[in-house]
C-alpha atoms as a PDB file:
ATOM      1  CA  MET A   1       0.000   0.000   0.000  1.00  0.00           C
ATOM      2  CA  GLY A   2       2.948   2.324   0.666  1.00  0.00           C
ATOM      3  CA  THR A   3       4.080   2.006  -2.962  1.00  0.00           C
ATOM      4  CA  ILE A   4       0.655   3.036  -4.252  1.00  0.00           C
ATOM      5  CA  ARG A   5       0.318   5.928  -1.796  1.00  0.00           C
ATOM      6  CA  LEU A   6       3.803   7.350  -2.437  1.00  0.00           C
ATOM      7  CA  SER A   7       3.576   6.914  -6.204  1.00  0.00           C
ATOM      8  CA  ASN A   8       0.253   8.722  -6.393  1.00  0.00           C
ATOM      9  CA  TRP A   9       1.579  11.521  -4.186  1.00  0.00           C
ATOM     10  CA  LEU A  10       4.751  11.906  -6.281  1.00  0.00           C
ATOM     11  CA  GLN A  11       2.792  11.870  -9.520  1.00  0.00           C
ATOM     12  CA  TYR A  12       0.499  14.607  -8.179  1.00  0.00           C
ATOM     13  CA  TYR A  13       3.411  16.641  -6.716  1.00  0.00           C
ATOM     14  CA  ASP A  14       5.604  16.514  -9.855  1.00  0.00           C
ATOM     15  CA  GLN A  15       3.510  16.339 -12.989  1.00  0.00           C
ATOM     16  CA  ASP A  16       6.404  17.143 -15.364  1.00  0.00           C
ATOM     17  CA  ARG A  17       8.299  13.850 -14.985  1.00  0.00           C
ATOM     18  CA  LEU A  18       7.638  10.202 -15.740  1.00  0.00           C
ATOM     19  CA  ILE A  19       7.220   8.062 -12.632  1.00  0.00           C
ATOM     20  CA  ASP A  20       8.556   4.487 -12.464  1.00  0.00           C
ATOM     21  CA  SER A  21       6.846   3.326  -9.303  1.00  0.00           C
ATOM     22  CA  VAL A  22       8.399  -0.116  -9.014  1.00  0.00           C
ATOM     23  CA  SER A  23      11.549  -1.161 -10.861  1.00  0.00           C
ATOM     24  CA  GLY A  24      10.679  -4.772 -11.549  1.00  0.00           C
ATOM     25  CA  TRP A  25       9.341  -7.586  -9.387  1.00  0.00           C
ATOM     26  CA  GLN A  26       6.388  -6.106  -7.419  1.00  0.00           C
ATOM     27  CA  ASP A  27       4.442  -4.103  -9.985  1.00  0.00           C
ATOM     28  CA  ARG A  28       1.182  -2.397  -9.041  1.00  0.00           C
ATOM     29  CA  PHE A  29      -1.345  -2.343 -11.898  1.00  0.00           C
ATOM     30  CA  GLY A  30      -2.010   1.125 -13.271  1.00  0.00           C
ATOM     31  CA  ILE A  31       0.414   2.926 -10.896  1.00  0.00           C
ATOM     32  CA  GLY A  32       2.951   5.332 -12.425  1.00  0.00           C
ATOM     33  CA  HIS A  33       3.749   5.846 -16.086  1.00  0.00           C
ATOM     34  CA  ILE A  34       5.904   2.748 -16.660  1.00  0.00           C
ATOM     35  CA  LYS A  35       5.420  -0.996 -16.323  1.00  0.00           C
ATOM     36  CA  ASP A  36       9.031  -1.990 -15.573  1.00  0.00           C
ATOM     37  CA  ILE A  37       9.926  -5.663 -16.089  1.00  0.00           C
ATOM     38  CA  HIS A  38      13.155  -7.347 -14.960  1.00  0.00           C
ATOM     39  CA  ASP A  39      13.958 -10.551 -16.822  1.00  0.00           C
ATOM     40  CA  TYR A  40      17.471 -12.018 -16.833  1.00  0.00           C
ATOM     41  CA  THR A  41      16.634 -15.262 -18.614  1.00  0.00           C
ATOM     42  CA  LYS A  42      17.723 -16.274 -22.098  1.00  0.00           C
ATOM     43  CA  ASN A  43      14.082 -16.419 -23.242  1.00  0.00           C
ATOM     44  CA  ILE A  44      12.511 -13.188 -22.075  1.00  0.00           C
ATOM     45  CA  TYR A  45       8.882 -13.397 -21.006  1.00  0.00           C
ATOM     46  CA  LEU A  46       6.527 -10.448 -21.435  1.00  0.00           C
ATOM     47  CA  PRO A  47       3.065 -10.189 -19.869  1.00  0.00           C
ATOM     48  CA  SER A  48       0.136 -11.193 -22.044  1.00  0.00           C
ATOM     49  CA  PHE A  49      -1.535  -7.789 -21.671  1.00  0.00           C
ATOM     50  CA  ASP A  50      -0.499  -4.115 -21.458  1.00  0.00           C
ATOM     51  CA  ASP A  51      -1.750  -1.201 -19.418  1.00  0.00           C
ATOM     52  CA  GLU A  52      -3.385   1.292 -21.746  1.00  0.00           C
ATOM     53  CA  ASN A  53      -1.743   4.261 -20.045  1.00  0.00           C
ATOM     54  CA  ARG A  54       1.727   2.903 -19.228  1.00  0.00           C
ATOM     55  CA  ALA A  55       4.861   2.265 -21.287  1.00  0.00           C
ATOM     56  CA  LEU A  56       6.216  -1.296 -21.235  1.00  0.00           C
ATOM     57  CA  VAL A  57       9.934  -1.340 -20.378  1.00  0.00           C
ATOM     58  CA  LEU A  58      12.334  -4.280 -20.095  1.00  0.00           C
ATOM     59  CA  GLY A  59      15.274  -3.805 -17.724  1.00  0.00           C
ATOM     60  CA  GLY A  60      18.122  -6.114 -16.763  1.00  0.00           C
ATOM     61  CA  PHE A  61      19.445  -8.370 -19.487  1.00  0.00           C
ATOM     62  CA  GLY A  62      22.933  -9.595 -18.570  1.00  0.00           C
ATOM     63  CA  LEU A  63      25.640 -11.370 -20.559  1.00  0.00           C
ATOM     64  CA  ILE A  64      29.149 -12.355 -19.601  1.00  0.00           C
ATOM     65  CA  GLU A  65      32.354 -13.910 -20.879  1.00  0.00           C
ATOM     66  CA  SER A  66      33.481 -15.368 -17.554  1.00  0.00           C
ATOM     67  CA  GLY A  67      32.579 -15.280 -13.855  1.00  0.00           C
ATOM     68  CA  TRP A  68      29.169 -14.978 -12.194  1.00  0.00           C
ATOM     69  CA  SER A  69      26.273 -13.662 -14.242  1.00  0.00           C
ATOM     70  CA  TYR A  70      22.640 -14.278 -15.078  1.00  0.00           C
ATOM     71  CA  ASN A  71      23.765 -15.655 -18.449  1.00  0.00           C
ATOM     72  CA  SER A  72      27.075 -17.241 -19.364  1.00  0.00           C
ATOM     73  CA  TYR A  73      28.759 -17.557 -22.779  1.00  0.00           C
ATOM     74  CA  SER A  74      32.170 -18.990 -23.553  1.00  0.00           C
ATOM     75  CA  ASP A  75      33.501 -16.199 -25.775  1.00  0.00           C
ATOM     76  CA  SER A  76      32.647 -12.772 -27.167  1.00  0.00           C
ATOM     77  CA  TYR A  77      31.502 -14.130 -30.553  1.00  0.00           C
ATOM     78  CA  ILE A  78      28.695 -16.370 -29.337  1.00  0.00           C
ATOM     79  CA  MET A  79      27.792 -13.719 -26.758  1.00  0.00           C
ATOM     80  CA  THR A  80      27.469 -11.107 -29.521  1.00  0.00           C
ATOM     81  CA  TYR A  81      25.333 -13.519 -31.529  1.00  0.00           C
ATOM     82  CA  ALA A  82      22.993 -13.970 -28.540  1.00  0.00           C
ATOM     83  CA  PHE A  83      22.651 -10.195 -28.161  1.00  0.00           C
ATOM     84  CA  GLU A  84      21.914  -9.794 -31.880  1.00  0.00           C
ATOM     85  CA  GLN A  85      19.173 -12.397 -31.644  1.00  0.00           C
ATOM     86  CA  LEU A  86      17.720 -10.661 -28.595  1.00  0.00           C
ATOM     87  CA  ILE A  87      17.509  -7.312 -30.404  1.00  0.00           C
ATOM     88  CA  LEU A  88      16.190  -8.918 -33.591  1.00  0.00           C
ATOM     89  CA  ASN A  89      13.374 -10.647 -31.711  1.00  0.00           C
ATOM     90  CA  LEU A  90      12.369  -7.844 -29.338  1.00  0.00           C
ATOM     91  CA  SER A  91       8.651  -7.399 -29.112  1.00  0.00           C
ATOM     92  CA  SER A  92       7.158  -4.329 -30.795  1.00  0.00           C
ATOM     93  CA  ARG A  93       5.165  -3.845 -27.591  1.00  0.00           C
ATOM     94  CA  LEU A  94       8.271  -2.615 -25.785  1.00  0.00           C
ATOM     95  CA  SER A  95       8.861   1.118 -25.440  1.00  0.00           C
ATOM     96  CA  GLU A  96      12.411   0.705 -24.114  1.00  0.00           C
ATOM     97  CA  MET A  97      15.054  -1.839 -23.118  1.00  0.00           C
ATOM     98  CA  ILE A  98      17.787  -1.185 -20.535  1.00  0.00           C
ATOM     99  CA  TYR A  99      20.977  -3.250 -20.412  1.00  0.00           C
ATOM    100  CA  THR A 100      22.289  -4.355 -17.018  1.00  0.00           C
ATOM    101  CA  GLN A 101      24.969  -3.153 -16.595  1.00  0.00           C
ATOM    102  CA  PHE A 102      27.468  -0.780 -18.290  1.00  0.00           C
ATOM    103  CA  SER A 103      30.498  -2.341 -16.573  1.00  0.00           C
ATOM    104  CA  ASP A 104      31.124  -5.217 -14.177  1.00  0.00           C
ATOM    105  CA  VAL A 105      31.042  -4.609 -10.437  1.00  0.00           C
ATOM    106  CA  LYS A 106      32.848  -6.574  -7.740  1.00  0.00           C
ATOM    107  CA  THR A 107      30.003  -8.985  -7.085  1.00  0.00           C
ATOM    108  CA  GLU A 108      28.510  -9.217 -10.581  1.00  0.00           C
ATOM    109  CA  SER A 109      29.900  -9.580 -14.087  1.00  0.00           C
ATOM    110  CA  ASN A 110      26.919  -8.571 -16.175  1.00  0.00           C
ATOM    111  CA  GLY A 111      28.565  -5.557 -17.786  1.00  0.00           C
ATOM    112  CA  ILE A 112      29.173  -4.605 -21.386  1.00  0.00           C
ATOM    113  CA  LEU A 113      32.696  -3.691 -20.226  1.00  0.00           C
ATOM    114  CA  THR A 114      34.966  -5.423 -17.723  1.00  0.00           C
ATOM    115  CA  TYR A 115      35.384  -4.077 -14.183  1.00  0.00           C
ATOM    116  CA  ASN A 116      38.392  -1.892 -15.118  1.00  0.00           C
ATOM    117  CA  ARG A 117      36.506  -0.730 -18.254  1.00  0.00           C
ATOM    118  CA  LYS A 118      39.425  -1.698 -20.483  1.00  0.00           C
ATOM    119  CA  GLN A 119      37.828  -4.609 -22.335  1.00  0.00           C
ATOM    120  CA  MET A 120      34.663  -4.639 -24.424  1.00  0.00           C
ATOM    121  CA  LYS A 121      33.000  -8.034 -24.071  1.00  0.00           C
ATOM    122  CA  PHE A 122      31.132  -7.831 -27.360  1.00  0.00           C
ATOM    123  CA  VAL A 123      32.515  -7.634 -30.897  1.00  0.00           C
ATOM    124  CA  SER A 124      32.456  -3.844 -31.256  1.00  0.00           C
ATOM    125  CA  LYS A 125      31.562  -3.538 -34.937  1.00  0.00           C
ATOM    126  CA  HIS A 126      28.599  -5.881 -34.509  1.00  0.00           C
ATOM    127  CA  LEU A 127      27.375  -4.079 -31.400  1.00  0.00           C
ATOM    128  CA  LYS A 128      27.522  -0.701 -33.181  1.00  0.00           C
ATOM    129  CA  SER A 129      25.570  -2.078 -36.144  1.00  0.00           C
ATOM    130  CA  VAL A 130      22.853  -3.532 -33.926  1.00  0.00           C
ATOM    131  CA  LEU A 131      22.404  -0.289 -31.988  1.00  0.00           C
ATOM    132  CA  LYS A 132      22.013   1.562 -35.301  1.00  0.00           C
ATOM    133  CA  ASN A 133      19.361  -0.944 -36.430  1.00  0.00           C
ATOM    134  CA  ASP A 134      21.697  -2.251 -39.114  1.00  0.00           C
ATOM    135  CA  PHE A 135      20.991  -5.987 -39.379  1.00  0.00           C
ATOM    136  CA  SER A 136      23.039  -6.655 -42.530  1.00  0.00           C
ATOM    137  CA  HIS A 137      26.083  -8.162 -40.772  1.00  0.00           C
ATOM    138  CA  PHE A 138      24.529 -10.486 -38.224  1.00  0.00           C
ATOM    139  CA  TYR A 139      26.345 -13.625 -37.170  1.00  0.00           C
ATOM    140  CA  LYS A 140      24.868 -16.835 -38.590  1.00  0.00           C
ATOM    141  CA  LEU A 141      24.776 -20.028 -36.534  1.00  0.00           C
ATOM    142  CA  LYS A 142      24.500 -23.474 -38.113  1.00  0.00           C
ATOM    143  CA  HIS A 143      24.269 -26.853 -36.361  1.00  0.00           C
ATOM    144  CA  ILE A 144      25.975 -29.494 -38.495  1.00  0.00           C
ATOM    145  CA  TRP A 145      25.922 -32.641 -36.346  1.00  0.00           C
ATOM    146  CA  ASN A 146      23.637 -33.905 -33.600  1.00  0.00           C
ATOM    147  CA  LEU A 147      23.673 -36.468 -30.808  1.00  0.00           C
ATOM    148  CA  THR A 148      20.512 -37.107 -28.800  1.00  0.00           C
ATOM    149  CA  THR A 149      20.803 -39.465 -25.873  1.00  0.00           C
ATOM    150  CA  ILE A 150      18.261 -41.613 -24.143  1.00  0.00           C
ATOM    151  CA  PRO A 151      17.279 -40.598 -20.579  1.00  0.00           C
ATOM    152  CA  TYR A 152      19.690 -41.905 -17.960  1.00  0.00           C
ATOM    153  CA  LYS A 153      18.207 -42.564 -14.542  1.00  0.00           C
ATOM    154  CA  ASN A 154      19.643 -42.296 -11.057  1.00  0.00           C
ATOM    155  CA  TYR A 155      23.327 -42.083 -11.904  1.00  0.00           C
ATOM    156  CA  THR A 156      26.203 -40.285 -10.219  1.00  0.00           C
ATOM    157  CA  ASN A 157      28.815 -41.042 -12.883  1.00  0.00           C
ATOM    158  CA  LEU A 158      28.184 -41.793 -16.521  1.00  0.00           C
ATOM    159  CA  SER A 159      30.379 -42.379 -19.585  1.00  0.00           C
ATOM    160  CA  LEU A 160      29.385 -42.843 -23.205  1.00  0.00           C
ATOM    161  CA  SER A 161      31.153 -42.843 -26.576  1.00  0.00           C
ATOM    162  CA  LYS A 162      29.879 -41.865 -29.992  1.00  0.00           C
ATOM    163  CA  SER A 163      31.435 -41.776 -33.438  1.00  0.00           C
ATOM    164  CA  PHE A 164      30.318 -39.258 -36.031  1.00  0.00           C
ATOM    165  CA  ASN A 165      31.186 -38.042 -39.517  1.00  0.00           C
ATOM    166  CA  ILE A 166      31.539 -34.382 -40.379  1.00  0.00           C
ATOM    167  CA  ILE A 167      32.553 -32.620 -43.544  1.00  0.00           C
ATOM    168  CA  ILE A 168      33.907 -29.091 -43.232  1.00  0.00           C
ATOM    169  CA  GLU A 169      34.387 -26.853 -46.249  1.00  0.00           C
ATOM    170  CA  ASN A 170      38.053 -26.330 -47.106  1.00  0.00           C
ATOM    171  CA  ASN A 171      37.637 -22.598 -47.660  1.00  0.00           C
ATOM    172  CA  LEU A 172      36.805 -21.750 -44.053  1.00  0.00           C
ATOM    173  CA  THR A 173      38.463 -18.572 -42.809  1.00  0.00           C
ATOM    174  CA  SER A 174      39.261 -17.110 -39.415  1.00  0.00           C
ATOM    175  CA  ASN A 175      35.727 -15.663 -39.345  1.00  0.00           C
ATOM    176  CA  HIS A 176      34.310 -19.093 -38.471  1.00  0.00           C
ATOM    177  CA  TYR A 177      34.001 -20.240 -34.859  1.00  0.00           C
ATOM    178  CA  PHE A 178      33.181 -23.726 -33.604  1.00  0.00           C
ATOM    179  CA  TYR A 179      31.149 -24.824 -30.577  1.00  0.00           C
ATOM    180  CA  PHE A 180      29.602 -27.781 -28.910  1.00  0.00           C
ATOM    181  CA  TYR A 181      26.000 -26.882 -28.182  1.00  0.00           C
ATOM    182  CA  LEU A 182      24.661 -28.723 -25.135  1.00  0.00           C
ATOM    183  CA  TYR A 183      21.007 -28.693 -24.165  1.00  0.00           C
ATOM    184  CA  TYR A 184      19.763 -30.664 -21.196  1.00  0.00           C
ATOM    185  CA  LEU A 185      16.521 -31.228 -19.314  1.00  0.00           C
ATOM    186  CA  TYR A 186      16.423 -31.873 -15.582  1.00  0.00           C
ATOM    187  CA  SER A 187      13.813 -34.135 -14.058  1.00  0.00           C
ATOM    188  CA  GLN A 188      12.425 -31.045 -12.275  1.00  0.00           C
ATOM    189  CA  GLY A 189      11.727 -29.421 -15.652  1.00  0.00           C
ATOM    190  CA  ILE A 190      14.498 -26.786 -15.587  1.00  0.00           C
ATOM    191  CA  LYS A 191      15.752 -26.168 -19.131  1.00  0.00           C
ATOM    192  CA  ASP A 192      19.050 -24.585 -20.101  1.00  0.00           C
ATOM    193  CA  TYR A 193      21.688 -24.661 -22.832  1.00  0.00           C
ATOM    194  CA  HIS A 194      25.388 -23.887 -23.237  1.00  0.00           C
ATOM    195  CA  TYR A 195      27.817 -23.202 -26.068  1.00  0.00           C
ATOM    196  CA  ILE A 196      31.308 -24.583 -25.429  1.00  0.00           C
ATOM    197  CA  SER A 197      33.941 -22.967 -27.661  1.00  0.00           C
ATOM    198  CA  LEU A 198      36.337 -25.233 -29.574  1.00  0.00           C
ATOM    199  CA  PRO A 199      39.699 -24.433 -31.216  1.00  0.00           C
ATOM    200  CA  SER A 200      39.055 -23.677 -34.877  1.00  0.00           C
ATOM    201  CA  TYR A 201      42.180 -25.506 -36.040  1.00  0.00           C
ATOM    202  CA  LEU A 202      40.577 -28.825 -35.069  1.00  0.00           C
ATOM    203  CA  PHE A 203      38.418 -28.701 -38.196  1.00  0.00           C
ATOM    204  CA  TYR A 204      40.755 -27.199 -40.796  1.00  0.00           C
ATOM    205  CA  ASN A 205      42.237 -29.340 -43.579  1.00  0.00           C
ATOM    206  CA  LEU A 206      40.564 -32.510 -42.377  1.00  0.00           C
ATOM    207  CA  LYS A 207      41.496 -35.657 -44.280  1.00  0.00           C
ATOM    208  CA  ASN A 208      39.439 -38.032 -42.165  1.00  0.00           C
ATOM    209  CA  PRO A 209      35.828 -36.930 -41.579  1.00  0.00           C
ATOM    210  CA  LYS A 210      35.232 -39.566 -38.901  1.00  0.00           C
ATOM    211  CA  HIS A 211      35.608 -38.568 -35.238  1.00  0.00           C
ATOM    212  CA  PHE A 212      35.030 -40.128 -31.845  1.00  0.00           C
ATOM    213  CA  LEU A 213      33.489 -38.319 -28.916  1.00  0.00           C
ATOM    214  CA  ASN A 214      33.868 -39.472 -25.313  1.00  0.00           C
ATOM    215  CA  ILE A 215      31.540 -37.955 -22.711  1.00  0.00           C
ATOM    216  CA  ASN A 216      32.045 -38.265 -18.954  1.00  0.00           C
ATOM    217  CA  LEU A 217      29.385 -36.897 -16.615  1.00  0.00           C
ATOM    218  CA  HIS A 218      29.199 -36.499 -12.861  1.00  0.00           C
ATOM    219  CA  TYR A 219      25.793 -35.896 -11.318  1.00  0.00           C
ATOM    220  CA  ILE A 220      25.060 -34.684  -7.785  1.00  0.00           C
ATOM    221  CA  PRO A 221      21.444 -35.512  -6.808  1.00  0.00           C
ATOM    222  CA  SER A 222      19.297 -32.602  -5.718  1.00  0.00           C
ATOM    223  CA  LEU A 223      17.680 -32.596  -2.281  1.00  0.00           C
ATOM    224  CA  ASP A 224      14.243 -31.327  -1.343  1.00  0.00           C
ATOM    225  CA  ASP A 225      14.531 -28.189   0.847  1.00  0.00           C
ATOM    226  CA  GLU A 226      11.676 -29.273   3.125  1.00  0.00           C
ATOM    227  CA  ASP A 227      12.572 -32.941   3.391  1.00  0.00           C
ATOM    228  CA  ARG A 228      16.330 -33.499   3.236  1.00  0.00           C
ATOM    229  CA  LYS A 229      15.810 -37.243   3.009  1.00  0.00           C
ATOM    230  CA  PHE A 230      14.093 -36.934  -0.356  1.00  0.00           C
ATOM    231  CA  VAL A 231      16.403 -37.019  -3.375  1.00  0.00           C
ATOM    232  CA  TYR A 232      15.172 -36.004  -6.828  1.00  0.00           C
ATOM    233  CA  THR A 233      15.658 -38.790  -9.336  1.00  0.00           C
ATOM    234  CA  ASN A 234      17.769 -37.872 -12.317  1.00  0.00           C
ATOM    235  CA  ARG A 235      16.196 -38.394 -15.724  1.00  0.00           C
ATOM    236  CA  THR A 236      18.247 -36.268 -18.056  1.00  0.00           C
ATOM    237  CA  TYR A 237      18.203 -36.027 -21.842  1.00  0.00           C
ATOM    238  CA  PHE A 238      21.269 -34.590 -23.556  1.00  0.00           C
ATOM    239  CA  TYR A 239      21.135 -32.821 -26.882  1.00  0.00           C
ATOM    240  CA  LEU A 240      24.662 -32.321 -28.183  1.00  0.00           C
ATOM    241  CA  ASN A 241      25.380 -30.486 -31.432  1.00  0.00           C
ATOM    242  CA  LEU A 242      28.434 -29.257 -33.283  1.00  0.00           C
ATOM    243  CA  ALA A 243      27.783 -25.665 -34.325  1.00  0.00           C
ATOM    244  CA  ILE A 244      29.545 -23.177 -36.604  1.00  0.00           C
ATOM    245  CA  LEU A 245      29.227 -19.417 -36.149  1.00  0.00           C
ATOM    246  CA  SER A 246      30.108 -17.319 -39.189  1.00  0.00           C
ATOM    247  CA  GLU A 247      29.902 -13.735 -40.400  1.00  0.00           C
END
């Protein structure tokens, strides 16, 4: 009730400025001029309806090259690609998007720049193009090989091997980047994915297209917070792809 009372008072007292009553989390319908949403996930969720008299604003999308963050990517190229896709797919319902944050701080690494502000985490020329609404030089991502596993139940250690064939064009340049794309599904229904960067020289001038992949996994069962004796069973699918990022 204090939020509503103070917001109405401030809006009446200062009628020349826009009022953002609540910055994320605990919004009050129809209060202030802005509906301010915080969403740090990789798939941003927007409400199914808008207030007729308030602007819809998204605040707090974080990316990182290393350390603690809401989102984690293994290098600046795949991170730039993710940002391009975010901008390309932004809803037309949004009036504004705010990036969290300009530079890293001691406890968070969600910045566009590192803590000392000496390193840009994104590929600069791509970032400049995106912010100018120039979409002609976007990164392109292609998955060229796939491994889908069966669900493995109640394990703590697991090993599997898989052979695969891949053919890489001989005219690849330094503007191509290689990744293992890993997507997994917990038994609790939590979905996530990761891109693991690979040395590009592994796939140049290949004479033998056949490769072998060995996977070793260690799983720590998850405990129920209310009943520490209850252990969630592990039923995990793995989706593993080899991906190429190119300009």
